[in-house]
Amino acid sequence: MTDKTRGNLYVAIQFVFLGVLGFTPAGDLWVATGLVGLAGIVLEFAGIAVLAVAFVNLGSSLTAHPMPRDSASLKTTGLYAVVRHPIYLGLLLLGAGLTVVGASWWHVGALVGLSVLLHFKADFEERLLRATYPDYEAYARRVGRLLPRVAARRRGGR
């Protein structure tokens, strides 16, 4: 399978999971009202906000396909200075919020599926980025994949 075909497959499956998360009717696994419902809505808005900022940060380099565009440069500023895959983080936050509000096994399954898919898609994308950008390896050591890296603090001279 070519890299282009593999990337297209990842994107297609990603949109299937997002479709299930966004369009499946709510279930009754838990009561998604009150603080639980509010938490779901906060996660949804956080995901949308992260996605919006990441889209702006990428600018003309933005593509759903994991293969970098020929004209793209390695983005290491904005949200990309905090995490290597802010779009994937935004999708996971949005998916978690939709799952909390949706309260169905379909939502839970789609969120788990999306999480696993994005793990493999990130592995694939990082292989392509390492091959395209010589500085990617140093960037990856410095910046966390989905969560910011927290430098270990030395206490008492240790």
Protein backbone atom coordinates (compact mmCIF):
# COMPACT_ATOMS: atom_id res chain seq x y z
CA MET A 1 0.00 0.00 0.00
CA THR A 2 1.40 3.41 -0.92
CA ASP A 3 1.79 6.17 1.65
CA LYS A 4 -0.87 8.21 -0.16
CA THR A 5 -3.37 5.34 -0.04
CA ARG A 6 -2.57 4.62 3.60
CA GLY A 7 -3.04 8.30 4.48
CA ASN A 8 -6.36 8.41 2.60
CA LEU A 9 -7.52 5.34 4.54
CA TYR A 10 -6.63 6.96 7.88
CA VAL A 11 -8.53 10.12 6.91
CA ALA A 12 -11.61 8.18 5.76
CA ILE A 13 -11.77 6.10 8.95
CA GLN A 14 -11.20 9.24 11.04
CA PHE A 15 -14.25 10.89 9.43
CA VAL A 16 -16.36 7.78 10.04
CA PHE A 17 -15.53 7.90 13.76
CA LEU A 18 -16.21 11.65 13.87
CA GLY A 19 -19.51 11.09 12.08
CA VAL A 20 -20.57 8.48 14.63
CA LEU A 21 -19.58 10.82 17.47
CA GLY A 22 -21.40 13.80 15.97
CA PHE A 23 -24.56 12.22 14.62
CA THR A 24 -25.42 9.24 16.81
CA PRO A 25 -28.48 9.93 18.99
CA ALA A 26 -27.88 10.27 22.72
CA GLY A 27 -28.05 7.15 24.84
CA ASP A 28 -28.69 6.49 28.49
CA LEU A 29 -25.44 5.03 29.81
CA TRP A 30 -25.30 7.93 32.26
CA VAL A 31 -27.22 11.11 32.89
CA ALA A 32 -25.60 13.81 30.75
CA THR A 33 -27.17 16.75 32.57
CA GLY A 34 -25.97 19.11 35.28
CA LEU A 35 -22.21 19.06 35.88
CA VAL A 36 -21.71 16.02 33.65
CA GLY A 37 -23.42 17.74 30.74
CA LEU A 38 -21.52 20.94 31.43
CA ALA A 39 -18.22 19.02 31.47
CA GLY A 40 -19.10 17.52 28.09
CA ILE A 41 -19.89 20.92 26.62
CA VAL A 42 -16.66 22.40 28.03
CA LEU A 43 -14.67 19.55 26.43
CA GLU A 44 -16.45 20.13 23.11
CA PHE A 45 -15.67 23.86 23.13
CA ALA A 46 -12.08 23.22 24.23
CA GLY A 47 -11.66 20.81 21.32
CA ILE A 48 -13.13 23.29 18.85
CA ALA A 49 -10.90 26.07 20.20
CA VAL A 50 -7.75 23.93 19.95
CA LEU A 51 -8.72 22.90 16.41
CA ALA A 52 -9.35 26.50 15.35
CA VAL A 53 -6.01 27.75 16.70
CA ALA A 54 -4.13 24.80 15.18
CA PHE A 55 -5.78 25.41 11.79
CA VAL A 56 -4.74 29.07 11.89
CA ASN A 57 -1.20 28.10 13.01
CA LEU A 58 -0.83 25.73 10.05
CA GLY A 59 -2.18 28.20 7.51
CA SER A 60 -1.55 27.05 3.94
CA SER A 61 0.15 23.88 5.24
CA LEU A 62 -3.21 22.58 6.53
CA THR A 63 -4.36 19.28 5.07
CA ALA A 64 -6.40 16.38 6.44
CA HIS A 65 -3.93 13.97 4.84
CA PRO A 66 -0.94 13.09 7.05
CA MET A 67 1.55 13.58 4.18
CA PRO A 68 3.18 17.01 4.40
CA ARG A 69 2.51 19.29 1.44
CA ASP A 70 5.46 19.90 -0.86
CA SER A 71 5.32 23.64 -0.17
CA ALA A 72 4.87 23.26 3.61
CA SER A 73 7.41 24.08 6.26
CA LEU A 74 7.78 22.45 9.65
CA LYS A 75 5.56 24.32 12.11
CA THR A 76 7.08 24.66 15.57
CA THR A 77 5.39 27.86 16.78
CA GLY A 78 2.00 28.62 18.30
CA LEU A 79 0.28 25.46 19.57
CA TYR A 80 2.94 23.46 17.71
CA ALA A 81 5.47 24.72 20.24
CA VAL A 82 3.38 23.07 22.98
CA VAL A 83 2.31 19.78 21.36
CA ARG A 84 3.29 18.15 18.05
CA HIS A 85 -0.28 17.18 17.08
CA PRO A 86 -2.69 19.85 18.34
CA ILE A 87 -5.28 18.92 15.71
CA TYR A 88 -5.38 15.36 17.04
CA LEU A 89 -5.60 16.73 20.58
CA GLY A 90 -8.50 18.96 19.52
CA LEU A 91 -10.28 16.02 17.87
CA LEU A 92 -9.86 13.92 21.01
CA LEU A 93 -11.16 16.70 23.27
CA LEU A 94 -14.14 17.25 20.96
CA GLY A 95 -14.75 13.49 20.79
CA ALA A 96 -14.57 13.17 24.57
CA GLY A 97 -17.10 15.97 24.95
CA LEU A 98 -19.44 14.40 22.39
CA THR A 99 -19.09 11.08 24.22
CA VAL A 100 -19.91 12.61 27.61
CA VAL A 101 -22.97 14.37 26.18
CA GLY A 102 -23.94 11.41 23.94
CA ALA A 103 -23.83 8.81 26.72
CA SER A 104 -24.09 5.77 24.43
CA TRP A 105 -21.98 2.72 23.71
CA TRP A 106 -21.72 3.97 20.11
CA HIS A 107 -20.08 7.16 21.38
CA VAL A 108 -17.72 5.26 23.68
CA GLY A 109 -16.74 2.86 20.90
CA ALA A 110 -16.19 5.66 18.39
CA LEU A 111 -14.02 7.61 20.86
CA VAL A 112 -11.90 4.53 21.59
CA GLY A 113 -11.64 3.84 17.86
CA LEU A 114 -10.70 7.45 17.12
CA SER A 115 -8.05 7.37 19.86
CA VAL A 116 -6.45 4.21 18.48
CA LEU A 117 -6.65 5.48 14.90
CA LEU A 118 -5.02 8.82 15.79
CA HIS A 119 -2.20 6.97 17.56
CA PHE A 120 -1.40 5.03 14.39
CA LYS A 121 -1.99 8.06 12.16
CA ALA A 122 0.44 10.11 14.30
CA ASP A 123 3.07 7.33 14.05
CA PHE A 124 2.65 7.30 10.28
CA GLU A 125 2.71 11.09 10.00
CA GLU A 126 5.81 11.36 12.17
CA ARG A 127 7.64 8.86 9.97
CA LEU A 128 6.85 11.09 6.98
CA LEU A 129 7.82 14.26 8.85
CA ARG A 130 11.15 12.77 9.92
CA ALA A 131 11.88 11.89 6.30
CA THR A 132 10.91 15.37 5.09
CA TYR A 133 12.35 17.66 7.78
CA PRO A 134 15.85 17.06 9.17
CA ASP A 135 14.98 19.12 12.29
CA TYR A 136 11.93 17.01 13.17
CA GLU A 137 13.80 14.60 15.46
CA ALA A 138 15.08 17.40 17.71
CA TYR A 139 11.61 18.99 17.71
CA ALA A 140 10.04 15.66 18.71
CA ARG A 141 12.46 15.27 21.63
CA ARG A 142 11.56 18.75 22.87
CA VAL A 143 7.76 18.80 22.36
CA GLY A 144 5.19 16.23 23.54
CA ARG A 145 2.99 14.41 21.06
CA LEU A 146 -0.44 15.22 22.51
CA LEU A 147 0.38 16.66 25.92
CA PRO A 148 2.98 19.28 26.78
CA ARG A 149 6.24 17.97 28.15
CA VAL A 150 6.92 19.07 31.68
CA ALA A 151 10.59 19.46 32.48
CA ALA A 152 11.67 17.59 35.57
CA ARG A 153 12.53 20.01 38.34
CA ARG A 154 15.60 19.35 40.39
CA ARG A 155 15.14 19.80 44.09
CA GLY A 156 17.84 20.27 46.65
CA GLY A 157 20.68 20.18 44.12
CA ARG A 158 19.82 16.69 42.87
